[in-house]
């Protein structure tokens, strides 16, 4: 149970819905208990559980679901973004908390927009604090592939968040 928060966080970023994330974590623990004899004592249990979670997601959820963005930038004016940016800079406090929550939503939405092959390394390495080697083991690919996908995923994430954080195009 020590890895419950981590597994929920990864599951939520994969399935995007609270109930489905909870189901995914529950199924992960059920599968882990069912195949506990396959776990080698002294190895990384967090990585083992995350790999079970990811495999279950890929096998079950990925086949049935498509990622759909809920953000429509046309509905939001740039004035709204400018206003909230000024409020946070002038008044750190509760407004800052709201902006941090909004940023989390924006990051989650942006993660949902990038392809899974680039999203999963970001979730594992940047959010899950796994090393490149651990992520490579979980994804069954070379470390170089993880590095490459992570780099590409970060660029895609930056592209989706650029307008929100006020970074001008460098092109």
C-alpha atoms as a PDB file:
ATOM      1  CA  UNK A   1       0.000   0.000   0.000  1.00  0.00           C
ATOM      2  CA  UNK A   2       3.001   2.322   0.221  1.00  0.00           C
ATOM      3  CA  UNK A   3       2.854   2.878  -3.545  1.00  0.00           C
ATOM      4  CA  UNK A   4      -0.887   3.585  -3.708  1.00  0.00           C
ATOM      5  CA  UNK A   5      -0.560   7.352  -4.253  1.00  0.00           C
ATOM      6  CA  UNK A   6       2.022   6.870  -6.974  1.00  0.00           C
ATOM      7  CA  UNK A   7      -0.068   4.248  -8.769  1.00  0.00           C
ATOM      8  CA  UNK A   8      -3.185   6.398  -8.563  1.00  0.00           C
ATOM      9  CA  UNK A   9      -1.304   9.399  -9.974  1.00  0.00           C
ATOM     10  CA  UNK A  10       0.012   7.344 -12.897  1.00  0.00           C
ATOM     11  CA  UNK A  11      -3.385   5.741 -13.477  1.00  0.00           C
ATOM     12  CA  UNK A  12      -5.151   9.089 -13.436  1.00  0.00           C
ATOM     13  CA  UNK A  13      -2.807  10.483 -16.051  1.00  0.00           C
ATOM     14  CA  UNK A  14      -3.402   7.451 -18.213  1.00  0.00           C
ATOM     15  CA  UNK A  15      -7.201   7.187 -18.025  1.00  0.00           C
ATOM     16  CA  UNK A  16      -8.146  10.790 -17.116  1.00  0.00           C
ATOM     17  CA  UNK A  17     -11.133   9.829 -14.942  1.00  0.00           C
ATOM     18  CA  UNK A  18     -11.134   9.417 -11.168  1.00  0.00           C
ATOM     19  CA  UNK A  19     -13.347   6.315 -11.105  1.00  0.00           C
ATOM     20  CA  UNK A  20     -11.439   4.573 -13.874  1.00  0.00           C
ATOM     21  CA  UNK A  21      -8.115   5.411 -12.223  1.00  0.00           C
ATOM     22  CA  UNK A  22      -9.331   3.900  -8.957  1.00  0.00           C
ATOM     23  CA  UNK A  23     -10.501   0.785 -10.814  1.00  0.00           C
ATOM     24  CA  UNK A  24      -7.179   0.533 -12.604  1.00  0.00           C
ATOM     25  CA  UNK A  25      -5.246   0.734  -9.318  1.00  0.00           C
ATOM     26  CA  UNK A  26      -7.545  -1.807  -7.692  1.00  0.00           C
ATOM     27  CA  UNK A  27      -7.087  -4.209 -10.592  1.00  0.00           C
ATOM     28  CA  UNK A  28      -3.326  -3.632 -10.421  1.00  0.00           C
ATOM     29  CA  UNK A  29      -3.239  -4.707  -6.782  1.00  0.00           C
ATOM     30  CA  UNK A  30      -5.475  -7.695  -7.509  1.00  0.00           C
ATOM     31  CA  UNK A  31      -3.177  -8.809 -10.316  1.00  0.00           C
ATOM     32  CA  UNK A  32      -0.089  -8.203  -8.174  1.00  0.00           C
ATOM     33  CA  UNK A  33      -1.490 -10.353  -5.384  1.00  0.00           C
ATOM     34  CA  UNK A  34      -2.377 -13.045  -7.892  1.00  0.00           C
ATOM     35  CA  UNK A  35       1.128 -13.149  -9.289  1.00  0.00           C
ATOM     36  CA  UNK A  36       3.145 -12.257  -6.208  1.00  0.00           C
ATOM     37  CA  UNK A  37       5.293 -15.360  -6.636  1.00  0.00           C
ATOM     38  CA  UNK A  38       6.722 -13.740  -9.786  1.00  0.00           C
ATOM     39  CA  UNK A  39       8.061 -10.788  -7.796  1.00  0.00           C
ATOM     40  CA  UNK A  40      11.728 -11.103  -6.862  1.00  0.00           C
ATOM     41  CA  UNK A  41      12.376  -9.943  -3.317  1.00  0.00           C
ATOM     42  CA  UNK A  42      14.897  -7.129  -3.158  1.00  0.00           C
ATOM     43  CA  UNK A  43      13.915  -5.650  -6.521  1.00  0.00           C
ATOM     44  CA  UNK A  44      11.935  -2.476  -7.154  1.00  0.00           C
ATOM     45  CA  UNK A  45       8.324  -3.161  -6.156  1.00  0.00           C
ATOM     46  CA  UNK A  46       7.192   0.308  -7.270  1.00  0.00           C
ATOM     47  CA  UNK A  47       8.457  -0.411 -10.793  1.00  0.00           C
ATOM     48  CA  UNK A  48       6.896  -3.889 -10.767  1.00  0.00           C
ATOM     49  CA  UNK A  49       3.490  -2.519  -9.714  1.00  0.00           C
ATOM     50  CA  UNK A  50       3.699   0.317 -12.231  1.00  0.00           C
ATOM     51  CA  UNK A  51       4.478  -2.151 -14.986  1.00  0.00           C
ATOM     52  CA  UNK A  52       1.432  -4.245 -14.016  1.00  0.00           C
ATOM     53  CA  UNK A  53      -0.696  -1.089 -14.047  1.00  0.00           C
ATOM     54  CA  UNK A  54       0.634  -0.025 -17.434  1.00  0.00           C
ATOM     55  CA  UNK A  55       0.172  -3.495 -18.939  1.00  0.00           C
ATOM     56  CA  UNK A  56      -3.404  -3.637 -17.696  1.00  0.00           C
ATOM     57  CA  UNK A  57      -4.079  -0.160 -19.061  1.00  0.00           C
ATOM     58  CA  UNK A  58      -2.591  -1.055 -22.415  1.00  0.00           C
ATOM     59  CA  UNK A  59      -4.384  -4.395 -22.644  1.00  0.00           C
ATOM     60  CA  UNK A  60      -7.800  -3.277 -21.457  1.00  0.00           C
ATOM     61  CA  UNK A  61      -8.274   0.440 -21.500  1.00  0.00           C
ATOM     62  CA  UNK A  62      -6.231   1.477 -24.492  1.00  0.00           C
ATOM     63  CA  UNK A  63      -8.124  -0.783 -26.853  1.00  0.00           C
ATOM     64  CA  UNK A  64     -11.495   0.613 -25.813  1.00  0.00           C
ATOM     65  CA  UNK A  65     -10.761   4.284 -25.356  1.00  0.00           C
ATOM     66  CA  UNK A  66      -9.525   7.137 -27.483  1.00  0.00           C
ATOM     67  CA  UNK A  67      -8.085  10.321 -25.996  1.00  0.00           C
ATOM     68  CA  UNK A  68     -10.333  13.286 -26.614  1.00  0.00           C
ATOM     69  CA  UNK A  69      -9.304  16.790 -25.685  1.00  0.00           C
ATOM     70  CA  UNK A  70     -11.864  18.715 -23.661  1.00  0.00           C
ATOM     71  CA  UNK A  71     -10.077  22.024 -24.050  1.00  0.00           C
ATOM     72  CA  UNK A  72     -11.260  24.359 -26.748  1.00  0.00           C
ATOM     73  CA  UNK A  73      -9.057  27.431 -26.866  1.00  0.00           C
ATOM     74  CA  UNK A  74     -11.587  29.259 -28.992  1.00  0.00           C
ATOM     75  CA  UNK A  75     -13.974  29.373 -26.033  1.00  0.00           C
ATOM     76  CA  UNK A  76     -11.410  31.093 -23.802  1.00  0.00           C
ATOM     77  CA  UNK A  77     -10.233  34.589 -24.507  1.00  0.00           C
ATOM     78  CA  UNK A  78      -6.634  35.667 -24.046  1.00  0.00           C
ATOM     79  CA  UNK A  79      -7.896  38.381 -21.669  1.00  0.00           C
ATOM     80  CA  UNK A  80      -8.841  35.698 -19.136  1.00  0.00           C
ATOM     81  CA  UNK A  81      -5.342  34.220 -19.198  1.00  0.00           C
ATOM     82  CA  UNK A  82      -3.726  37.678 -18.875  1.00  0.00           C
ATOM     83  CA  UNK A  83      -5.973  38.597 -15.942  1.00  0.00           C
ATOM     84  CA  UNK A  84      -5.183  35.454 -13.956  1.00  0.00           C
ATOM     85  CA  UNK A  85      -1.478  35.843 -14.599  1.00  0.00           C
ATOM     86  CA  UNK A  86      -1.542  39.393 -13.194  1.00  0.00           C
ATOM     87  CA  UNK A  87      -3.568  38.371 -10.141  1.00  0.00           C
ATOM     88  CA  UNK A  88      -1.071  35.635  -9.237  1.00  0.00           C
ATOM     89  CA  UNK A  89       1.928  37.946  -9.581  1.00  0.00           C
ATOM     90  CA  UNK A  90       0.351  40.719  -7.488  1.00  0.00           C
ATOM     91  CA  UNK A  91      -1.298  38.625  -4.771  1.00  0.00           C
ATOM     92  CA  UNK A  92       0.354  35.373  -3.807  1.00  0.00           C
ATOM     93  CA  UNK A  93      -2.047  33.393  -1.661  1.00  0.00           C
ATOM     94  CA  UNK A  94      -5.374  31.715  -2.393  1.00  0.00           C
ATOM     95  CA  UNK A  95      -5.304  32.973  -5.981  1.00  0.00           C
ATOM     96  CA  UNK A  96      -1.937  31.339  -6.393  1.00  0.00           C
ATOM     97  CA  UNK A  97      -3.424  28.048  -5.181  1.00  0.00           C
ATOM     98  CA  UNK A  98      -6.205  28.341  -7.755  1.00  0.00           C
ATOM     99  CA  UNK A  99      -3.669  29.041 -10.477  1.00  0.00           C
ATOM    100  CA  UNK A 100      -1.600  26.019  -9.448  1.00  0.00           C
ATOM    101  CA  UNK A 101      -4.729  23.858  -9.670  1.00  0.00           C
ATOM    102  CA  UNK A 102      -5.501  25.367 -13.068  1.00  0.00           C
ATOM    103  CA  UNK A 103      -1.943  24.679 -14.214  1.00  0.00           C
ATOM    104  CA  UNK A 104      -2.335  21.045 -13.109  1.00  0.00           C
ATOM    105  CA  UNK A 105      -5.500  20.827 -15.210  1.00  0.00           C
ATOM    106  CA  UNK A 106      -3.717  22.398 -18.187  1.00  0.00           C
ATOM    107  CA  UNK A 107      -0.800  19.982 -17.840  1.00  0.00           C
ATOM    108  CA  UNK A 108      -3.170  17.027 -17.572  1.00  0.00           C
ATOM    109  CA  UNK A 109      -5.067  18.196 -20.665  1.00  0.00           C
ATOM    110  CA  UNK A 110      -1.815  18.753 -22.567  1.00  0.00           C
ATOM    111  CA  UNK A 111      -0.612  15.268 -21.580  1.00  0.00           C
ATOM    112  CA  UNK A 112      -3.852  13.868 -22.967  1.00  0.00           C
ATOM    113  CA  UNK A 113      -3.151  15.515 -26.321  1.00  0.00           C
ATOM    114  CA  UNK A 114       0.224  13.933 -26.924  1.00  0.00           C
ATOM    115  CA  UNK A 115       0.545  10.352 -28.222  1.00  0.00           C
ATOM    116  CA  UNK A 116       0.836   7.621 -25.618  1.00  0.00           C
ATOM    117  CA  UNK A 117       4.332   6.609 -26.689  1.00  0.00           C
ATOM    118  CA  UNK A 118       5.571  10.073 -25.632  1.00  0.00           C
ATOM    119  CA  UNK A 119       3.178  10.592 -22.716  1.00  0.00           C
ATOM    120  CA  UNK A 120       4.068   7.445 -20.760  1.00  0.00           C
ATOM    121  CA  UNK A 121       7.814   8.229 -20.463  1.00  0.00           C
ATOM    122  CA  UNK A 122       6.931  11.717 -19.145  1.00  0.00           C
ATOM    123  CA  UNK A 123       4.594  10.200 -16.575  1.00  0.00           C
ATOM    124  CA  UNK A 124       7.151   7.613 -15.489  1.00  0.00           C
ATOM    125  CA  UNK A 125      10.318   9.738 -15.447  1.00  0.00           C
ATOM    126  CA  UNK A 126       9.147  13.298 -14.791  1.00  0.00           C
ATOM    127  CA  UNK A 127       6.149  12.562 -12.597  1.00  0.00           C
ATOM    128  CA  UNK A 128       6.867   9.097 -11.253  1.00  0.00           C
ATOM    129  CA  UNK A 129      10.521   9.737 -10.395  1.00  0.00           C
ATOM    130  CA  UNK A 130      11.704   6.594 -12.155  1.00  0.00           C
ATOM    131  CA  UNK A 131      15.169   6.504 -13.688  1.00  0.00           C
ATOM    132  CA  UNK A 132      15.575   6.133 -17.430  1.00  0.00           C
ATOM    133  CA  UNK A 133      16.665   2.532 -16.896  1.00  0.00           C
ATOM    134  CA  UNK A 134      13.614   1.704 -14.768  1.00  0.00           C
ATOM    135  CA  UNK A 135      11.289   3.315 -17.324  1.00  0.00           C
ATOM    136  CA  UNK A 136      13.025   1.393 -20.120  1.00  0.00           C
ATOM    137  CA  UNK A 137      12.512  -1.850 -18.232  1.00  0.00           C
ATOM    138  CA  UNK A 138       8.838  -1.106 -17.638  1.00  0.00           C
ATOM    139  CA  UNK A 139       8.274  -0.158 -21.276  1.00  0.00           C
ATOM    140  CA  UNK A 140      10.392  -3.045 -22.607  1.00  0.00           C
ATOM    141  CA  UNK A 141      12.557  -0.804 -24.758  1.00  0.00           C
ATOM    142  CA  UNK A 142      16.157   0.497 -24.748  1.00  0.00           C
ATOM    143  CA  UNK A 143      17.172   3.417 -22.522  1.00  0.00           C
ATOM    144  CA  UNK A 144      17.968   5.467 -25.638  1.00  0.00           C
ATOM    145  CA  UNK A 145      14.401   5.038 -26.835  1.00  0.00           C
ATOM    146  CA  UNK A 146      13.099   6.295 -23.489  1.00  0.00           C
ATOM    147  CA  UNK A 147      15.398   9.327 -23.708  1.00  0.00           C
ATOM    148  CA  UNK A 148      14.296  10.036 -27.267  1.00  0.00           C
ATOM    149  CA  UNK A 149      10.579   9.679 -26.486  1.00  0.00           C
ATOM    150  CA  UNK A 150      10.983  11.769 -23.358  1.00  0.00           C
ATOM    151  CA  UNK A 151      12.676  14.545 -25.309  1.00  0.00           C
ATOM    152  CA  UNK A 152      10.019  14.481 -28.020  1.00  0.00           C
ATOM    153  CA  UNK A 153       7.225  14.300 -25.447  1.00  0.00           C
ATOM    154  CA  UNK A 154       8.603  17.286 -23.561  1.00  0.00           C
ATOM    155  CA  UNK A 155       8.732  19.290 -26.799  1.00  0.00           C
ATOM    156  CA  UNK A 156       5.136  18.363 -27.586  1.00  0.00           C
ATOM    157  CA  UNK A 157       4.072  19.230 -24.049  1.00  0.00           C
ATOM    158  CA  UNK A 158       5.883  22.562 -24.329  1.00  0.00           C
ATOM    159  CA  UNK A 159       4.096  23.223 -27.624  1.00  0.00           C
ATOM    160  CA  UNK A 160       0.685  22.608 -26.038  1.00  0.00           C
ATOM    161  CA  UNK A 161       1.458  24.718 -22.955  1.00  0.00           C
ATOM    162  CA  UNK A 162       3.317  27.540 -24.725  1.00  0.00           C
ATOM    163  CA  UNK A 163       0.256  29.783 -25.122  1.00  0.00           C
ATOM    164  CA  UNK A 164      -0.873  29.186 -21.569  1.00  0.00           C
ATOM    165  CA  UNK A 165       2.407  30.159 -19.935  1.00  0.00           C
ATOM    166  CA  UNK A 166       2.934  33.128 -22.253  1.00  0.00           C
ATOM    167  CA  UNK A 167       6.025  31.913 -24.133  1.00  0.00           C
ATOM    168  CA  UNK A 168       6.342  33.419 -27.589  1.00  0.00           C
ATOM    169  CA  UNK A 169       7.086  31.265 -30.606  1.00  0.00           C
ATOM    170  CA  UNK A 170      10.815  31.104 -31.200  1.00  0.00           C
ATOM    171  CA  UNK A 171      10.449  30.278 -34.891  1.00  0.00           C
END
